[in-house]
PDB file of N, CA and C in Angstrom:
ATOM      1  N   MET A   1     -18.140 106.553  37.281  1.00  0.00           N
ATOM      2  CA  MET A   1     -17.121 107.560  37.117  1.00  0.00           C
ATOM      3  C   MET A   1     -15.731 106.968  37.315  1.00  0.00           C
ATOM      4  N   ARG A   2     -15.675 106.151  38.370  1.00  0.00           N
ATOM      5  CA  ARG A   2     -14.397 105.532  38.651  1.00  0.00           C
ATOM      6  C   ARG A   2     -13.979 104.587  37.530  1.00  0.00           C
ATOM      7  N   SER A   3     -14.914 103.841  36.989  1.00  0.00           N
ATOM      8  CA  SER A   3     -14.595 102.906  35.909  1.00  0.00           C
ATOM      9  C   SER A   3     -14.168 103.662  34.648  1.00  0.00           C
ATOM     10  N   ARG A   4     -14.770 104.823  34.414  1.00  0.00           N
ATOM     11  CA  ARG A   4     -14.368 105.637  33.266  1.00  0.00           C
ATOM     12  C   ARG A   4     -12.925 106.102  33.437  1.00  0.00           C
ATOM     13  N   ARG A   5     -12.588 106.526  34.652  1.00  0.00           N
ATOM     14  CA  ARG A   5     -11.234 106.986  34.918  1.00  0.00           C
ATOM     15  C   ARG A   5     -10.249 105.819  34.759  1.00  0.00           C
ATOM     16  N   ILE A   6     -10.630 104.657  35.227  1.00  0.00           N
ATOM     17  CA  ILE A   6      -9.775 103.471  35.089  1.00  0.00           C
ATOM     18  C   ILE A   6      -9.626 103.127  33.618  1.00  0.00           C
ATOM     19  N   SER A   7     -10.696 103.194  32.883  1.00  0.00           N
ATOM     20  CA  SER A   7     -10.629 102.873  31.470  1.00  0.00           C
ATOM     21  C   SER A   7      -9.797 103.901  30.716  1.00  0.00           C
ATOM     22  N   GLU A   8      -9.889 105.167  31.032  1.00  0.00           N
ATOM     23  CA  GLU A   8      -9.047 106.189  30.411  1.00  0.00           C
ATOM     24  C   GLU A   8      -7.582 105.946  30.761  1.00  0.00           C
ATOM     25  N   GLU A   9      -7.353 105.597  32.028  1.00  0.00           N
ATOM     26  CA  GLU A   9      -5.988 105.316  32.468  1.00  0.00           C
ATOM     27  C   GLU A   9      -5.450 104.083  31.731  1.00  0.00           C
ATOM     28  N   SER A  10      -6.281 103.097  31.544  1.00  0.00           N
ATOM     29  CA  SER A  10      -5.869 101.888  30.818  1.00  0.00           C
ATOM     30  C   SER A  10      -5.515 102.216  29.377  1.00  0.00           C
ATOM     31  N   ARG A  11      -6.358 103.034  28.731  1.00  0.00           N
ATOM     32  CA  ARG A  11      -6.071 103.439  27.348  1.00  0.00           C
ATOM     33  C   ARG A  11      -4.770 104.228  27.268  1.00  0.00           C
ATOM     34  N   ARG A  12      -4.559 105.120  28.248  1.00  0.00           N
ATOM     35  CA  ARG A  12      -3.333 105.908  28.276  1.00  0.00           C
ATOM     36  C   ARG A  12      -2.121 104.987  28.442  1.00  0.00           C
ATOM     37  N   ILE A  13      -2.232 104.029  29.310  1.00  0.00           N
ATOM     38  CA  ILE A  13      -1.128 103.080  29.523  1.00  0.00           C
ATOM     39  C   ILE A  13      -0.891 102.262  28.258  1.00  0.00           C
ATOM     40  N   MET A  14      -1.951 101.827  27.610  1.00  0.00           N
ATOM     41  CA  MET A  14      -1.808 101.055  26.370  1.00  0.00           C
ATOM     42  C   MET A  14      -1.157 101.908  25.283  1.00  0.00           C
ATOM     43  N   ARG A  15      -1.587 103.170  25.180  1.00  0.00           N
ATOM     44  CA  ARG A  15      -1.022 104.069  24.183  1.00  0.00           C
ATOM     45  C   ARG A  15       0.472 104.270  24.439  1.00  0.00           C
ATOM     46  N   ILE A  16       0.827 104.488  25.699  1.00  0.00           N
ATOM     47  CA  ILE A  16       2.237 104.674  26.050  1.00  0.00           C
ATOM     48  C   ILE A  16       3.013 103.404  25.740  1.00  0.00           C
ATOM     49  N   SER A  17       2.439 102.258  26.054  1.00  0.00           N
ATOM     50  CA  SER A  17       3.109 100.976  25.763  1.00  0.00           C
ATOM     51  C   SER A  17       3.320 100.794  24.274  1.00  0.00           C
ATOM     52  N   GLU A  18       2.293 101.140  23.485  1.00  0.00           N
ATOM     53  CA  GLU A  18       2.412 101.030  22.031  1.00  0.00           C
ATOM     54  C   GLU A  18       3.497 101.973  21.505  1.00  0.00           C
ATOM     55  N   GLU A  19       3.525 103.189  22.026  1.00  0.00           N
ATOM     56  CA  GLU A  19       4.555 104.148  21.599  1.00  0.00           C
ATOM     57  C   GLU A  19       5.948 103.645  21.956  1.00  0.00           C
ATOM     58  N   GLN A  20       6.078 103.074  23.153  1.00  0.00           N
ATOM     59  CA  GLN A  20       7.372 102.546  23.561  1.00  0.00           C
ATOM     60  C   GLN A  20       7.781 101.375  22.664  1.00  0.00           C
ATOM     61  N   GLU A  21       6.812 100.526  22.359  1.00  0.00           N
ATOM     62  CA  GLU A  21       7.086  99.374  21.501  1.00  0.00           C
ATOM     63  C   GLU A  21       7.505  99.839  20.104  1.00  0.00           C
ATOM     64  N   GLU A  22       6.788 100.823  19.565  1.00  0.00           N
ATOM     65  CA  GLU A  22       7.151 101.367  18.254  1.00  0.00           C
ATOM     66  C   GLU A  22       8.552 101.976  18.286  1.00  0.00           C
ATOM     67  N   GLN A  23       8.849 102.694  19.366  1.00  0.00           N
ATOM     68  CA  GLN A  23      10.166 103.308  19.480  1.00  0.00           C
ATOM     69  C   GLN A  23      11.244 102.227  19.561  1.00  0.00           C
ATOM     70  N   GLU A  24      11.000 101.172  20.326  1.00  0.00           N
ATOM     71  CA  GLU A  24      11.969 100.080  20.426  1.00  0.00           C
ATOM     72  C   GLU A  24      12.167  99.398  19.081  1.00  0.00           C
ATOM     73  N   GLU A  25      11.068  99.185  18.352  1.00  0.00           N
ATOM     74  CA  GLU A  25      11.173  98.586  17.024  1.00  0.00           C
ATOM     75  C   GLU A  25      11.998  99.476  16.093  1.00  0.00           C
ATOM     76  N   GLN A  26      11.760 100.782  16.160  1.00  0.00           N
ATOM     77  CA  GLN A  26      12.513 101.731  15.327  1.00  0.00           C
ATOM     78  C   GLN A  26      13.993 101.693  15.697  1.00  0.00           C
ATOM     79  N   GLU A  27      14.282 101.661  16.993  1.00  0.00           N
ATOM     80  CA  GLU A  27      15.681 101.603  17.441  1.00  0.00           C
ATOM     81  C   GLU A  27      16.332 100.295  16.989  1.00  0.00           C
ATOM     82  N   ASP A  28      15.592  99.187  17.096  1.00  0.00           N
ATOM     83  CA  ASP A  28      16.119  97.899  16.640  1.00  0.00           C
ATOM     84  C   ASP A  28      16.423  97.950  15.147  1.00  0.00           C
ATOM     85  N   HIS A  29      15.498  98.537  14.408  1.00  0.00           N
ATOM     86  CA  HIS A  29      15.673  98.644  12.962  1.00  0.00           C
ATOM     87  C   HIS A  29      16.905  99.500  12.628  1.00  0.00           C
ATOM     88  N   GLU A  30      17.040 100.628  13.303  1.00  0.00           N
ATOM     89  CA  GLU A  30      18.190 101.500  13.079  1.00  0.00           C
ATOM     90  C   GLU A  30      19.485 100.802  13.448  1.00  0.00           C
ATOM     91  N   GLU A  31      19.469 100.064  14.562  1.00  0.00           N
ATOM     92  CA  GLU A  31      20.667  99.339  14.980  1.00  0.00           C
ATOM     93  C   GLU A  31      21.042  98.273  13.954  1.00  0.00           C
ATOM     94  N   GLN A  32      20.037  97.589  13.432  1.00  0.00           N
ATOM     95  CA  GLN A  32      20.293  96.573  12.408  1.00  0.00           C
ATOM     96  C   GLN A  32      20.884  97.218  11.153  1.00  0.00           C
ATOM     97  N   GLU A  33      20.344  98.355  10.753  1.00  0.00           N
ATOM     98  CA  GLU A  33      20.885  99.062   9.585  1.00  0.00           C
ATOM     99  C   GLU A  33      22.326  99.485   9.834  1.00  0.00           C
ATOM    100  N   ASP A  34      22.600  99.971  11.050  1.00  0.00           N
ATOM    101  CA  ASP A  34      23.977 100.363  11.395  1.00  0.00           C
ATOM    102  C   ASP A  34      24.910  99.162  11.305  1.00  0.00           C
ATOM    103  N   GLN A  35      24.468  98.032  11.840  1.00  0.00           N
ATOM    104  CA  GLN A  35      25.303  96.828  11.810  1.00  0.00           C
ATOM    105  C   GLN A  35      25.530  96.380  10.376  1.00  0.00           C
ATOM    106  N   GLU A  36      24.481  96.426   9.568  1.00  0.00           N
ATOM    107  CA  GLU A  36      24.633  96.040   8.164  1.00  0.00           C
ATOM    108  C   GLU A  36      25.587  96.986   7.456  1.00  0.00           C
ATOM    109  N   GLY A  37      25.469  98.276   7.764  1.00  0.00           N
ATOM    110  CA  GLY A  37      26.367  99.261   7.161  1.00  0.00           C
ATOM    111  C   GLY A  37      27.809  99.002   7.557  1.00  0.00           C
ATOM    112  N   ARG A  38      28.016  98.733   8.842  1.00  0.00           N
ATOM    113  CA  ARG A  38      29.379  98.427   9.308  1.00  0.00           C
ATOM    114  C   ARG A  38      29.862  97.136   8.665  1.00  0.00           C
ATOM    115  N   GLY A  39      28.977  96.152   8.569  1.00  0.00           N
ATOM    116  CA  GLY A  39      29.351  94.888   7.949  1.00  0.00           C
ATOM    117  C   GLY A  39      29.768  95.090   6.498  1.00  0.00           C
ATOM    118  N   GLN A  40      29.029  95.921   5.803  1.00  0.00           N
ATOM    119  CA  GLN A  40      29.362  96.196   4.395  1.00  0.00           C
ATOM    120  C   GLN A  40      30.681  96.952   4.298  1.00  0.00           C
ATOM    121  N   GLU A  41      30.881  97.919   5.191  1.00  0.00           N
ATOM    122  CA  GLU A  41      32.141  98.660   5.184  1.00  0.00           C
ATOM    123  C   GLU A  41      33.316  97.728   5.453  1.00  0.00           C
ATOM    124  N   GLU A  42      33.143  96.817   6.422  1.00  0.00           N
ATOM    125  CA  GLU A  42      34.207  95.870   6.734  1.00  0.00           C
ATOM    126  C   GLU A  42      34.484  94.973   5.536  1.00  0.00           C
ATOM    127  N   GLN A  43      33.427  94.526   4.883  1.00  0.00           N
ATOM    128  CA  GLN A  43      33.596  93.674   3.714  1.00  0.00           C
ATOM    129  C   GLN A  43      34.320  94.435   2.599  1.00  0.00           C
ATOM    130  N   GLU A  44      33.937  95.680   2.373  1.00  0.00           N
ATOM    131  CA  GLU A  44      34.597  96.491   1.345  1.00  0.00           C
ATOM    132  C   GLU A  44      36.066  96.712   1.693  1.00  0.00           C
ATOM    133  N   ASP A  45      36.343  96.939   2.993  1.00  0.00           N
ATOM    134  CA  ASP A  45      37.729  97.114   3.425  1.00  0.00           C
ATOM    135  C   ASP A  45      38.534  95.839   3.176  1.00  0.00           C
ATOM    136  N   GLN A  46      37.924  94.697   3.471  1.00  0.00           N
ATOM    137  CA  GLN A  46      38.616  93.433   3.243  1.00  0.00           C
ATOM    138  C   GLN A  46      38.860  93.208   1.752  1.00  0.00           C
ATOM    139  N   GLU A  47      37.869  93.507   0.935  1.00  0.00           N
ATOM    140  CA  GLU A  47      38.030  93.346  -0.511  1.00  0.00           C
ATOM    141  C   GLU A  47      39.122  94.275  -1.033  1.00  0.00           C
ATOM    142  N   GLU A  48      39.164  95.498  -0.517  1.00  0.00           N
ATOM    143  CA  GLU A  48      40.202  96.448  -0.924  1.00  0.00           C
ATOM    144  C   GLU A  48      41.577  95.938  -0.507  1.00  0.00           C
ATOM    145  N   ALA A  49      41.666  95.363   0.682  1.00  0.00           N
ATOM    146  CA  ALA A  49      42.950  94.823   1.150  1.00  0.00           C
ATOM    147  C   ALA A  49      43.399  93.678   0.244  1.00  0.00           C
ATOM    148  N   VAL A  50      42.463  92.831  -0.167  1.00  0.00           N
ATOM    149  CA  VAL A  50      42.803  91.721  -1.068  1.00  0.00           C
ATOM    150  C   VAL A  50      43.286  92.273  -2.404  1.00  0.00           C
ATOM    151  N   ARG A  51      42.572  93.259  -2.945  1.00  0.00           N
ATOM    152  CA  ARG A  51      42.986  93.860  -4.219  1.00  0.00           C
ATOM    153  C   ARG A  51      44.364  94.496  -4.095  1.00  0.00           C
ATOM    154  N   SER A  52      44.598  95.158  -2.981  1.00  0.00           N
ATOM    155  CA  SER A  52      45.883  95.821  -2.764  1.00  0.00           C
ATOM    156  C   SER A  52      47.012  94.784  -2.695  1.00  0.00           C
ATOM    157  N   ARG A  53      46.785  93.715  -1.938  1.00  0.00           N
ATOM    158  CA  ARG A  53      47.815  92.665  -1.844  1.00  0.00           C
ATOM    159  C   ARG A  53      48.057  92.032  -3.207  1.00  0.00           C
ATOM    160  N   ARG A  54      46.982  91.772  -3.933  1.00  0.00           N
ATOM    161  CA  ARG A  54      47.112  91.165  -5.260  1.00  0.00           C
ATOM    162  C   ARG A  54      47.893  92.091  -6.193  1.00  0.00           C
ATOM    163  N   SER A  55      47.569  93.371  -6.165  1.00  0.00           N
ATOM    164  CA  SER A  55      48.253  94.337  -7.008  1.00  0.00           C
ATOM    165  C   SER A  55      49.734  94.421  -6.638  1.00  0.00           C
ATOM    166  N   ARG A  56      50.016  94.438  -5.338  1.00  0.00           N
ATOM    167  CA  ARG A  56      51.398  94.510  -4.872  1.00  0.00           C
ATOM    168  C   ARG A  56      52.163  93.253  -5.304  1.00  0.00           C
ATOM    169  N   ARG A  57      51.520  92.094  -5.184  1.00  0.00           N
ATOM    170  CA  ARG A  57      52.153  90.827  -5.582  1.00  0.00           C
ATOM    171  C   ARG A  57      52.441  90.826  -7.083  1.00  0.00           C
ATOM    172  N   ILE A  58      51.498  91.292  -7.880  1.00  0.00           N
ATOM    173  CA  ILE A  58      51.696  91.342  -9.330  1.00  0.00           C
ATOM    174  C   ILE A  58      52.842  92.294  -9.663  1.00  0.00           C
ATOM    175  N   SER A  59      52.881  93.435  -8.986  1.00  0.00           N
ATOM    176  CA  SER A  59      53.970  94.390  -9.221  1.00  0.00           C
ATOM    177  C   SER A  59      55.316  93.757  -8.875  1.00  0.00           C
ATOM    178  N   GLU A  60      55.370  93.054  -7.762  1.00  0.00           N
ATOM    179  CA  GLU A  60      56.623  92.404  -7.368  1.00  0.00           C
ATOM    180  C   GLU A  60      57.019  91.346  -8.387  1.00  0.00           C
ATOM    181  N   GLU A  61      56.034  90.589  -8.873  1.00  0.00           N
ATOM    182  CA  GLU A  61      56.333  89.570  -9.887  1.00  0.00           C
ATOM    183  C   GLU A  61      56.846  90.223 -11.168  1.00  0.00           C
ATOM    184  N   GLN A  62      56.251  91.344 -11.552  1.00  0.00           N
ATOM    185  CA  GLN A  62      56.709  92.048 -12.752  1.00  0.00           C
ATOM    186  C   GLN A  62      58.134  92.566 -12.559  1.00  0.00           C
ATOM    187  N   GLU A  63      58.409  93.111 -11.367  1.00  0.00           N
ATOM    188  CA  GLU A  63      59.766  93.589 -11.093  1.00  0.00           C
ATOM    189  C   GLU A  63      60.764  92.438 -11.150  1.00  0.00           C
ATOM    190  N   ASP A  64      60.389  91.306 -10.555  1.00  0.00           N
ATOM    191  CA  ASP A  64      61.272  90.135 -10.592  1.00  0.00           C
ATOM    192  C   ASP A  64      61.531  89.704 -12.030  1.00  0.00           C
ATOM    193  N   GLN A  65      60.484  89.687 -12.833  1.00  0.00           N
ATOM    194  CA  GLN A  65      60.630  89.277 -14.225  1.00  0.00           C
ATOM    195  C   GLN A  65      61.529  90.256 -14.986  1.00  0.00           C
ATOM    196  N   GLU A  66      61.341  91.547 -14.731  1.00  0.00           N
ATOM    197  CA  GLU A  66      62.188  92.548 -15.389  1.00  0.00           C
ATOM    198  C   GLU A  66      63.646  92.389 -14.964  1.00  0.00           C
ATOM    199  N   GLU A  67      63.882  92.114 -13.688  1.00  0.00           N
ATOM    200  CA  GLU A  67      65.250  91.908 -13.217  1.00  0.00           C
ATOM    201  C   GLU A  67      65.876  90.683 -13.880  1.00  0.00           C
ATOM    202  N   GLN A  68      65.102  89.613 -14.015  1.00  0.00           N
ATOM    203  CA  GLN A  68      65.608  88.408 -14.680  1.00  0.00           C
ATOM    204  C   GLN A  68      65.952  88.707 -16.138  1.00  0.00           C
ATOM    205  N   GLU A  69      65.077  89.443 -16.797  1.00  0.00           N
ATOM    206  CA  GLU A  69      65.330  89.797 -18.196  1.00  0.00           C
ATOM    207  C   GLU A  69      66.571  90.679 -18.317  1.00  0.00           C
ATOM    208  N   ASP A  70      66.751  91.622 -17.392  1.00  0.00           N
ATOM    209  CA  ASP A  70      67.947  92.474 -17.398  1.00  0.00           C
ATOM    210  C   ASP A  70      69.204  91.634 -17.197  1.00  0.00           C
ATOM    211  N   ARG A  71      69.166  90.714 -16.233  1.00  0.00           N
ATOM    212  CA  ARG A  71      70.337  89.854 -16.000  1.00  0.00           C
ATOM    213  C   ARG A  71      70.642  89.002 -17.223  1.00  0.00           C
ATOM    214  N   ARG A  72      69.599  88.451 -17.818  1.00  0.00           N
ATOM    215  CA  ARG A  72      69.796  87.621 -19.025  1.00  0.00           C
ATOM    216  C   ARG A  72      70.378  88.459 -20.157  1.00  0.00           C
ATOM    217  N   SER A  73      69.849  89.659 -20.316  1.00  0.00           N
ATOM    218  CA  SER A  73      70.344  90.547 -21.372  1.00  0.00           C
ATOM    219  C   SER A  73      71.812  90.905 -21.129  1.00  0.00           C
ATOM    220  N   ARG A  74      72.165  91.221 -19.877  1.00  0.00           N
ATOM    221  CA  ARG A  74      73.564  91.534 -19.558  1.00  0.00           C
ATOM    222  C   ARG A  74      74.468  90.326 -19.799  1.00  0.00           C
ATOM    223  N   ARG A  75      73.996  89.167 -19.416  1.00  0.00           N
ATOM    224  CA  ARG A  75      74.778  87.952 -19.611  1.00  0.00           C
ATOM    225  C   ARG A  75      75.021  87.702 -21.100  1.00  0.00           C
ATOM    226  N   ILE A  76      73.977  87.881 -21.903  1.00  0.00           N
ATOM    227  CA  ILE A  76      74.109  87.687 -23.351  1.00  0.00           C
ATOM    228  C   ILE A  76      75.087  88.710 -23.921  1.00  0.00           C
ATOM    229  N   SER A  77      74.951  89.960 -23.462  1.00  0.00           N
ATOM    230  CA  SER A  77      75.875  91.005 -23.934  1.00  0.00           C
ATOM    231  C   SER A  77      77.318  90.659 -23.562  1.00  0.00           C
ATOM    232  N   GLU A  78      77.522  90.198 -22.337  1.00  0.00           N
ATOM    233  CA  GLU A  78      78.872  89.825 -21.908  1.00  0.00           C
ATOM    234  C   GLU A  78      79.407  88.650 -22.728  1.00  0.00           C
ATOM    235  N   GLU A  79      78.545  87.695 -23.012  1.00  0.00           N
ATOM    236  CA  GLU A  79      78.974  86.545 -23.816  1.00  0.00           C
ATOM    237  C   GLU A  79      79.346  86.983 -25.231  1.00  0.00           C
ATOM    238  N   GLN A  80      78.553  87.901 -25.778  1.00  0.00           N
ATOM    239  CA  GLN A  80      78.863  88.412 -27.118  1.00  0.00           C
ATOM    240  C   GLN A  80      80.197  89.163 -27.111  1.00  0.00           C
ATOM    241  N   GLU A  81      80.427  89.967 -26.070  1.00  0.00           N
ATOM    242  CA  GLU A  81      81.689  90.694 -25.966  1.00  0.00           C
ATOM    243  C   GLU A  81      82.858  89.714 -25.854  1.00  0.00           C
ATOM    244  N   ASP A  82      82.674  88.696 -25.034  1.00  0.00           N
ATOM    245  CA  ASP A  82      83.731  87.684 -24.884  1.00  0.00           C
ATOM    246  C   ASP A  82      84.001  87.003 -26.211  1.00  0.00           C
ATOM    247  N   GLN A  83      82.925  86.681 -26.938  1.00  0.00           N
ATOM    248  CA  GLN A  83      83.088  86.003 -28.230  1.00  0.00           C
ATOM    249  C   GLN A  83      83.805  86.918 -29.220  1.00  0.00           C
ATOM    250  N   GLU A  84      83.440  88.188 -29.222  1.00  0.00           N
ATOM    251  CA  GLU A  84      84.091  89.134 -30.133  1.00  0.00           C
ATOM    252  C   GLU A  84      85.569  89.291 -29.782  1.00  0.00           C
ATOM    253  N   GLU A  85      85.857  89.323 -28.486  1.00  0.00           N
ATOM    254  CA  GLU A  85      87.253  89.424 -28.076  1.00  0.00           C
ATOM    255  C   GLU A  85      88.046  88.198 -28.522  1.00  0.00           C
ATOM    256  N   GLN A  86      87.438  87.038 -28.423  1.00  0.00           N
ATOM    257  CA  GLN A  86      88.126  85.811 -28.838  1.00  0.00           C
ATOM    258  C   GLN A  86      88.343  85.809 -30.351  1.00  0.00           C
ATOM    259  N   GLU A  87      87.355  86.310 -31.059  1.00  0.00           N
ATOM    260  CA  GLU A  87      87.484  86.362 -32.521  1.00  0.00           C
ATOM    261  C   GLU A  87      88.570  87.363 -32.924  1.00  0.00           C
ATOM    262  N   ASP A  88      88.686  88.443 -32.156  1.00  0.00           N
ATOM    263  CA  ASP A  88      89.696  89.457 -32.457  1.00  0.00           C
ATOM    264  C   ASP A  88      91.108  88.926 -32.215  1.00  0.00           C
ATOM    265  N   GLN A  89      91.254  87.968 -31.359  1.00  0.00           N
ATOM    266  CA  GLN A  89      92.592  87.465 -31.029  1.00  0.00           C
ATOM    267  C   GLN A  89      93.051  86.526 -32.044  1.00  0.00           C
TER     268      GLN A  89
END
């Protein structure tokens, strides 16, 4: 009788241990998924930051180019006006 009770107690302890182990494995798995999710979010954030910086840099380069073209156009216009004034004299 005593051995039966010990054996039942042993099975109960083993069952509880198995349940705890399964729960720990599930928690580990969930934690790993969370970390991977955070890692992916961080990577996406970094990629977005790179795209944003690249876009901003391209916009600045375009603005610089437009300003240069405007200055060149004004300079040419001024030179033409000066030439016309000289021709008029």
